[in-house]
Amino acid sequence: MTVMERLHLVNVAPTPTTVSKYLNIAFGTLSLWNDARITRNALSKLSARQLEDIGLVPGDIDRIARRKTS
């Protein structure tokens, strides 16, 4: 059996479970991105003094926003 014949034997039709899994991943990723965006915007509105009060400097904003939360 050639490689091409073997490829045709694989079932490539998406199952409801597979579609659901990928939709959950997509929406989870979108949610994390939105949370990071909101955090970045909120921290960006603070002055350097306010950031210092919470133990941050302006350069920390992107790092804090990128951090994944569960």
PDB file of N, CA and C in Angstrom:
ATOM      1  N   MET A   1       0.849  -1.175   0.000  1.00  0.00           N
ATOM      2  CA  MET A   1       0.000   0.000   0.000  1.00  0.00           C
ATOM      3  C   MET A   1       0.901   1.246   0.000  1.00  0.00           C
ATOM      4  N   THR A   2       0.616   2.160  -0.877  1.00  0.00           N
ATOM      5  CA  THR A   2       1.431   3.373  -0.949  1.00  0.00           C
ATOM      6  C   THR A   2       0.981   4.375   0.109  1.00  0.00           C
ATOM      7  N   VAL A   3       1.769   5.396   0.263  1.00  0.00           N
ATOM      8  CA  VAL A   3       1.442   6.437   1.242  1.00  0.00           C
ATOM      9  C   VAL A   3       0.121   7.099   0.889  1.00  0.00           C
ATOM     10  N   MET A   4      -0.111   7.366  -0.372  1.00  0.00           N
ATOM     11  CA  MET A   4      -1.355   8.017  -0.798  1.00  0.00           C
ATOM     12  C   MET A   4      -2.565   7.152  -0.464  1.00  0.00           C
ATOM     13  N   GLU A   5      -2.462   5.855  -0.643  1.00  0.00           N
ATOM     14  CA  GLU A   5      -3.582   4.973  -0.309  1.00  0.00           C
ATOM     15  C   GLU A   5      -3.838   4.984   1.192  1.00  0.00           C
ATOM     16  N   ARG A   6      -2.813   5.043   1.981  1.00  0.00           N
ATOM     17  CA  ARG A   6      -2.978   5.082   3.434  1.00  0.00           C
ATOM     18  C   ARG A   6      -3.635   6.384   3.880  1.00  0.00           C
ATOM     19  N   LEU A   7      -3.300   7.483   3.230  1.00  0.00           N
ATOM     20  CA  LEU A   7      -3.898   8.769   3.595  1.00  0.00           C
ATOM     21  C   LEU A   7      -5.391   8.780   3.344  1.00  0.00           C
ATOM     22  N   HIS A   8      -5.842   8.086   2.346  1.00  0.00           N
ATOM     23  CA  HIS A   8      -7.268   8.053   2.036  1.00  0.00           C
ATOM     24  C   HIS A   8      -8.055   7.203   3.029  1.00  0.00           C
ATOM     25  N   LEU A   9      -7.401   6.374   3.790  1.00  0.00           N
ATOM     26  CA  LEU A   9      -8.083   5.541   4.767  1.00  0.00           C
ATOM     27  C   LEU A   9      -8.404   6.290   6.059  1.00  0.00           C
ATOM     28  N   VAL A  10      -7.799   7.439   6.256  1.00  0.00           N
ATOM     29  CA  VAL A  10      -8.002   8.214   7.474  1.00  0.00           C
ATOM     30  C   VAL A  10      -9.319   8.967   7.385  1.00  0.00           C
ATOM     31  N   ASN A  11     -10.116   8.876   8.440  1.00  0.00           N
ATOM     32  CA  ASN A  11     -11.384   9.594   8.497  1.00  0.00           C
ATOM     33  C   ASN A  11     -11.096  11.039   8.900  1.00  0.00           C
ATOM     34  N   VAL A  12     -11.343  11.977   8.009  1.00  0.00           N
ATOM     35  CA  VAL A  12     -11.049  13.374   8.290  1.00  0.00           C
ATOM     36  C   VAL A  12     -12.291  14.192   8.600  1.00  0.00           C
ATOM     37  N   ALA A  13     -13.449  13.561   8.647  1.00  0.00           N
ATOM     38  CA  ALA A  13     -14.673  14.285   8.967  1.00  0.00           C
ATOM     39  C   ALA A  13     -14.649  14.693  10.438  1.00  0.00           C
ATOM     40  N   PRO A  14     -14.883  15.982  10.721  1.00  0.00           N
ATOM     41  CA  PRO A  14     -14.860  16.424  12.116  1.00  0.00           C
ATOM     42  C   PRO A  14     -16.067  15.886  12.886  1.00  0.00           C
ATOM     43  N   THR A  15     -15.804  15.426  14.070  1.00  0.00           N
ATOM     44  CA  THR A  15     -16.887  14.943  14.929  1.00  0.00           C
ATOM     45  C   THR A  15     -17.356  16.103  15.802  1.00  0.00           C
ATOM     46  N   PRO A  16     -18.557  16.004  16.350  1.00  0.00           N
ATOM     47  CA  PRO A  16     -19.032  17.069  17.241  1.00  0.00           C
ATOM     48  C   PRO A  16     -18.087  17.306  18.422  1.00  0.00           C
ATOM     49  N   THR A  17     -17.460  16.253  18.922  1.00  0.00           N
ATOM     50  CA  THR A  17     -16.528  16.395  20.033  1.00  0.00           C
ATOM     51  C   THR A  17     -15.301  17.195  19.603  1.00  0.00           C
ATOM     52  N   THR A  18     -14.795  16.923  18.410  1.00  0.00           N
ATOM     53  CA  THR A  18     -13.627  17.634  17.900  1.00  0.00           C
ATOM     54  C   THR A  18     -13.954  19.108  17.674  1.00  0.00           C
ATOM     55  N   VAL A  19     -15.096  19.368  17.071  1.00  0.00           N
ATOM     56  CA  VAL A  19     -15.509  20.753  16.818  1.00  0.00           C
ATOM     57  C   VAL A  19     -15.663  21.491  18.143  1.00  0.00           C
ATOM     58  N   SER A  20     -16.293  20.845  19.107  1.00  0.00           N
ATOM     59  CA  SER A  20     -16.488  21.451  20.422  1.00  0.00           C
ATOM     60  C   SER A  20     -15.149  21.757  21.087  1.00  0.00           C
ATOM     61  N   LYS A  21     -14.207  20.832  20.979  1.00  0.00           N
ATOM     62  CA  LYS A  21     -12.886  21.021  21.579  1.00  0.00           C
ATOM     63  C   LYS A  21     -12.196  22.245  20.988  1.00  0.00           C
ATOM     64  N   TYR A  22     -12.215  22.355  19.666  1.00  0.00           N
ATOM     65  CA  TYR A  22     -11.543  23.482  19.022  1.00  0.00           C
ATOM     66  C   TYR A  22     -12.270  24.801  19.268  1.00  0.00           C
ATOM     67  N   LEU A  23     -13.589  24.774  19.362  1.00  0.00           N
ATOM     68  CA  LEU A  23     -14.321  25.992  19.700  1.00  0.00           C
ATOM     69  C   LEU A  23     -13.984  26.442  21.122  1.00  0.00           C
ATOM     70  N   ASN A  24     -13.867  25.486  22.053  1.00  0.00           N
ATOM     71  CA  ASN A  24     -13.488  25.831  23.425  1.00  0.00           C
ATOM     72  C   ASN A  24     -12.095  26.436  23.473  1.00  0.00           C
ATOM     73  N   ILE A  25     -11.177  25.883  22.704  1.00  0.00           N
ATOM     74  CA  ILE A  25      -9.822  26.433  22.651  1.00  0.00           C
ATOM     75  C   ILE A  25      -9.851  27.850  22.083  1.00  0.00           C
ATOM     76  N   ALA A  26     -10.602  28.044  21.008  1.00  0.00           N
ATOM     77  CA  ALA A  26     -10.673  29.359  20.366  1.00  0.00           C
ATOM     78  C   ALA A  26     -11.278  30.394  21.307  1.00  0.00           C
ATOM     79  N   PHE A  27     -12.390  30.047  21.943  1.00  0.00           N
ATOM     80  CA  PHE A  27     -13.030  31.008  22.841  1.00  0.00           C
ATOM     81  C   PHE A  27     -12.196  31.239  24.092  1.00  0.00           C
ATOM     82  N   GLY A  28     -11.502  30.228  24.565  1.00  0.00           N
ATOM     83  CA  GLY A  28     -10.606  30.397  25.710  1.00  0.00           C
ATOM     84  C   GLY A  28      -9.470  31.335  25.384  1.00  0.00           C
ATOM     85  N   THR A  29      -8.897  31.173  24.203  1.00  0.00           N
ATOM     86  CA  THR A  29      -7.810  32.046  23.758  1.00  0.00           C
ATOM     87  C   THR A  29      -8.301  33.482  23.603  1.00  0.00           C
ATOM     88  N   LEU A  30      -9.476  33.634  23.024  1.00  0.00           N
ATOM     89  CA  LEU A  30     -10.067  34.965  22.867  1.00  0.00           C
ATOM     90  C   LEU A  30     -10.331  35.605  24.225  1.00  0.00           C
ATOM     91  N   SER A  31     -10.800  34.830  25.166  1.00  0.00           N
ATOM     92  CA  SER A  31     -11.066  35.334  26.511  1.00  0.00           C
ATOM     93  C   SER A  31      -9.781  35.784  27.202  1.00  0.00           C
ATOM     94  N   LEU A  32      -8.708  34.986  27.088  1.00  0.00           N
ATOM     95  CA  LEU A  32      -7.417  35.372  27.671  1.00  0.00           C
ATOM     96  C   LEU A  32      -6.881  36.651  27.037  1.00  0.00           C
ATOM     97  N   TRP A  33      -7.020  36.768  25.724  1.00  0.00           N
ATOM     98  CA  TRP A  33      -6.578  37.974  25.034  1.00  0.00           C
ATOM     99  C   TRP A  33      -7.346  39.184  25.528  1.00  0.00           C
ATOM    100  N   ASN A  34      -8.665  39.041  25.681  1.00  0.00           N
ATOM    101  CA  ASN A  34      -9.488  40.159  26.130  1.00  0.00           C
ATOM    102  C   ASN A  34      -9.147  40.540  27.569  1.00  0.00           C
ATOM    103  N   ASP A  35      -8.933  39.564  28.426  1.00  0.00           N
ATOM    104  CA  ASP A  35      -8.537  39.854  29.809  1.00  0.00           C
ATOM    105  C   ASP A  35      -7.221  40.622  29.846  1.00  0.00           C
ATOM    106  N   ALA A  36      -6.263  40.217  29.024  1.00  0.00           N
ATOM    107  CA  ALA A  36      -4.972  40.904  28.969  1.00  0.00           C
ATOM    108  C   ALA A  36      -5.152  42.329  28.457  1.00  0.00           C
ATOM    109  N   ARG A  37      -6.018  42.507  27.480  1.00  0.00           N
ATOM    110  CA  ARG A  37      -6.289  43.841  26.927  1.00  0.00           C
ATOM    111  C   ARG A  37      -6.886  44.755  27.986  1.00  0.00           C
ATOM    112  N   ILE A  38      -7.852  44.247  28.735  1.00  0.00           N
ATOM    113  CA  ILE A  38      -8.496  45.039  29.784  1.00  0.00           C
ATOM    114  C   ILE A  38      -7.487  45.401  30.874  1.00  0.00           C
ATOM    115  N   THR A  39      -6.675  44.430  31.274  1.00  0.00           N
ATOM    116  CA  THR A  39      -5.652  44.680  32.293  1.00  0.00           C
ATOM    117  C   THR A  39      -4.657  45.724  31.819  1.00  0.00           C
ATOM    118  N   ARG A  40      -4.183  45.577  30.575  1.00  0.00           N
ATOM    119  CA  ARG A  40      -3.215  46.522  30.016  1.00  0.00           C
ATOM    120  C   ARG A  40      -3.792  47.933  29.973  1.00  0.00           C
ATOM    121  N   ASN A  41      -5.048  48.052  29.560  1.00  0.00           N
ATOM    122  CA  ASN A  41      -5.683  49.371  29.488  1.00  0.00           C
ATOM    123  C   ASN A  41      -5.847  49.989  30.868  1.00  0.00           C
ATOM    124  N   ALA A  42      -6.259  49.189  31.845  1.00  0.00           N
ATOM    125  CA  ALA A  42      -6.449  49.705  33.201  1.00  0.00           C
ATOM    126  C   ALA A  42      -5.125  50.156  33.802  1.00  0.00           C
ATOM    127  N   LEU A  43      -4.080  49.357  33.650  1.00  0.00           N
ATOM    128  CA  LEU A  43      -2.782  49.725  34.207  1.00  0.00           C
ATOM    129  C   LEU A  43      -2.170  50.918  33.474  1.00  0.00           C
ATOM    130  N   SER A  44      -2.445  51.030  32.188  1.00  0.00           N
ATOM    131  CA  SER A  44      -1.898  52.142  31.412  1.00  0.00           C
ATOM    132  C   SER A  44      -2.490  53.476  31.832  1.00  0.00           C
ATOM    133  N   LYS A  45      -3.661  53.468  32.417  1.00  0.00           N
ATOM    134  CA  LYS A  45      -4.306  54.704  32.862  1.00  0.00           C
ATOM    135  C   LYS A  45      -3.742  55.213  34.186  1.00  0.00           C
ATOM    136  N   LEU A  46      -2.980  54.359  34.889  1.00  0.00           N
ATOM    137  CA  LEU A  46      -2.412  54.760  36.171  1.00  0.00           C
ATOM    138  C   LEU A  46      -1.141  55.572  35.964  1.00  0.00           C
ATOM    139  N   SER A  47      -0.899  56.486  36.878  1.00  0.00           N
ATOM    140  CA  SER A  47       0.338  57.272  36.828  1.00  0.00           C
ATOM    141  C   SER A  47       1.497  56.420  37.343  1.00  0.00           C
ATOM    142  N   ALA A  48       2.716  56.909  37.113  1.00  0.00           N
ATOM    143  CA  ALA A  48       3.897  56.198  37.595  1.00  0.00           C
ATOM    144  C   ALA A  48       3.857  56.072  39.115  1.00  0.00           C
ATOM    145  N   ARG A  49       3.364  57.094  39.790  1.00  0.00           N
ATOM    146  CA  ARG A  49       3.257  57.066  41.254  1.00  0.00           C
ATOM    147  C   ARG A  49       2.262  56.004  41.707  1.00  0.00           C
ATOM    148  N   GLN A  50       1.129  55.912  41.036  1.00  0.00           N
ATOM    149  CA  GLN A  50       0.130  54.898  41.386  1.00  0.00           C
ATOM    150  C   GLN A  50       0.667  53.491  41.130  1.00  0.00           C
ATOM    151  N   LEU A  51       1.388  53.321  40.028  1.00  0.00           N
ATOM    152  CA  LEU A  51       1.990  52.023  39.751  1.00  0.00           C
ATOM    153  C   LEU A  51       3.014  51.669  40.814  1.00  0.00           C
ATOM    154  N   GLU A  52       3.794  52.656  41.235  1.00  0.00           N
ATOM    155  CA  GLU A  52       4.795  52.430  42.271  1.00  0.00           C
ATOM    156  C   GLU A  52       4.122  51.995  43.578  1.00  0.00           C
ATOM    157  N   ASP A  53       2.954  52.556  43.866  1.00  0.00           N
ATOM    158  CA  ASP A  53       2.230  52.191  45.084  1.00  0.00           C
ATOM    159  C   ASP A  53       1.837  50.709  45.110  1.00  0.00           C
ATOM    160  N   ILE A  54       1.624  50.143  43.939  1.00  0.00           N
ATOM    161  CA  ILE A  54       1.269  48.713  43.891  1.00  0.00           C
ATOM    162  C   ILE A  54       2.460  47.839  43.516  1.00  0.00           C
ATOM    163  N   GLY A  55       3.634  48.440  43.528  1.00  0.00           N
ATOM    164  CA  GLY A  55       4.862  47.672  43.310  1.00  0.00           C
ATOM    165  C   GLY A  55       5.209  47.416  41.862  1.00  0.00           C
ATOM    166  N   LEU A  56       4.756  48.276  40.966  1.00  0.00           N
ATOM    167  CA  LEU A  56       5.034  48.105  39.541  1.00  0.00           C
ATOM    168  C   LEU A  56       5.706  49.351  38.986  1.00  0.00           C
ATOM    169  N   VAL A  57       6.318  49.186  37.833  1.00  0.00           N
ATOM    170  CA  VAL A  57       6.824  50.310  37.048  1.00  0.00           C
ATOM    171  C   VAL A  57       6.156  50.218  35.683  1.00  0.00           C
ATOM    172  N   PRO A  58       6.120  51.320  34.929  1.00  0.00           N
ATOM    173  CA  PRO A  58       5.440  51.271  33.626  1.00  0.00           C
ATOM    174  C   PRO A  58       5.906  50.138  32.714  1.00  0.00           C
ATOM    175  N   GLY A  59       7.161  49.744  32.811  1.00  0.00           N
ATOM    176  CA  GLY A  59       7.671  48.656  31.982  1.00  0.00           C
ATOM    177  C   GLY A  59       7.103  47.290  32.337  1.00  0.00           C
ATOM    178  N   ASP A  60       6.465  47.168  33.492  1.00  0.00           N
ATOM    179  CA  ASP A  60       5.881  45.896  33.924  1.00  0.00           C
ATOM    180  C   ASP A  60       4.500  45.624  33.318  1.00  0.00           C
ATOM    181  N   ILE A  61       3.883  46.633  32.745  1.00  0.00           N
ATOM    182  CA  ILE A  61       2.485  46.510  32.309  1.00  0.00           C
ATOM    183  C   ILE A  61       2.303  45.372  31.303  1.00  0.00           C
ATOM    184  N   ASP A  62       3.120  45.322  30.268  1.00  0.00           N
ATOM    185  CA  ASP A  62       2.956  44.267  29.258  1.00  0.00           C
ATOM    186  C   ASP A  62       3.208  42.880  29.850  1.00  0.00           C
ATOM    187  N   ARG A  63       4.219  42.771  30.717  1.00  0.00           N
ATOM    188  CA  ARG A  63       4.517  41.472  31.327  1.00  0.00           C
ATOM    189  C   ARG A  63       3.348  41.004  32.196  1.00  0.00           C
ATOM    190  N   ILE A  64       2.776  41.891  32.956  1.00  0.00           N
ATOM    191  CA  ILE A  64       1.649  41.538  33.831  1.00  0.00           C
ATOM    192  C   ILE A  64       0.434  41.163  32.976  1.00  0.00           C
ATOM    193  N   ALA A  65       0.179  41.919  31.933  1.00  0.00           N
ATOM    194  CA  ALA A  65      -0.988  41.649  31.081  1.00  0.00           C
ATOM    195  C   ALA A  65      -0.862  40.331  30.340  1.00  0.00           C
ATOM    196  N   ARG A  66       0.365  39.924  29.976  1.00  0.00           N
ATOM    197  CA  ARG A  66       0.562  38.675  29.245  1.00  0.00           C
ATOM    198  C   ARG A  66       0.468  37.442  30.111  1.00  0.00           C
ATOM    199  N   ARG A  67       0.623  37.618  31.423  1.00  0.00           N
ATOM    200  CA  ARG A  67       0.637  36.478  32.329  1.00  0.00           C
ATOM    201  C   ARG A  67      -0.709  35.762  32.270  1.00  0.00           C
ATOM    202  N   LYS A  68      -0.666  34.450  32.069  1.00  0.00           N
ATOM    203  CA  LYS A  68      -1.892  33.649  31.977  1.00  0.00           C
ATOM    204  C   LYS A  68      -2.439  33.402  33.369  1.00  0.00           C
ATOM    205  N   THR A  69      -3.741  33.499  33.468  1.00  0.00           N
ATOM    206  CA  THR A  69      -4.414  33.171  34.716  1.00  0.00           C
ATOM    207  C   THR A  69      -5.367  32.029  34.461  1.00  0.00           C
ATOM    208  N   SER A  70      -5.580  31.219  35.472  1.00  0.00           N
ATOM    209  CA  SER A  70      -6.499  30.098  35.303  1.00  0.00           C
ATOM    210  C   SER A  70      -7.698  30.256  36.193  1.00  0.00           C
TER     211      SER A  70
END
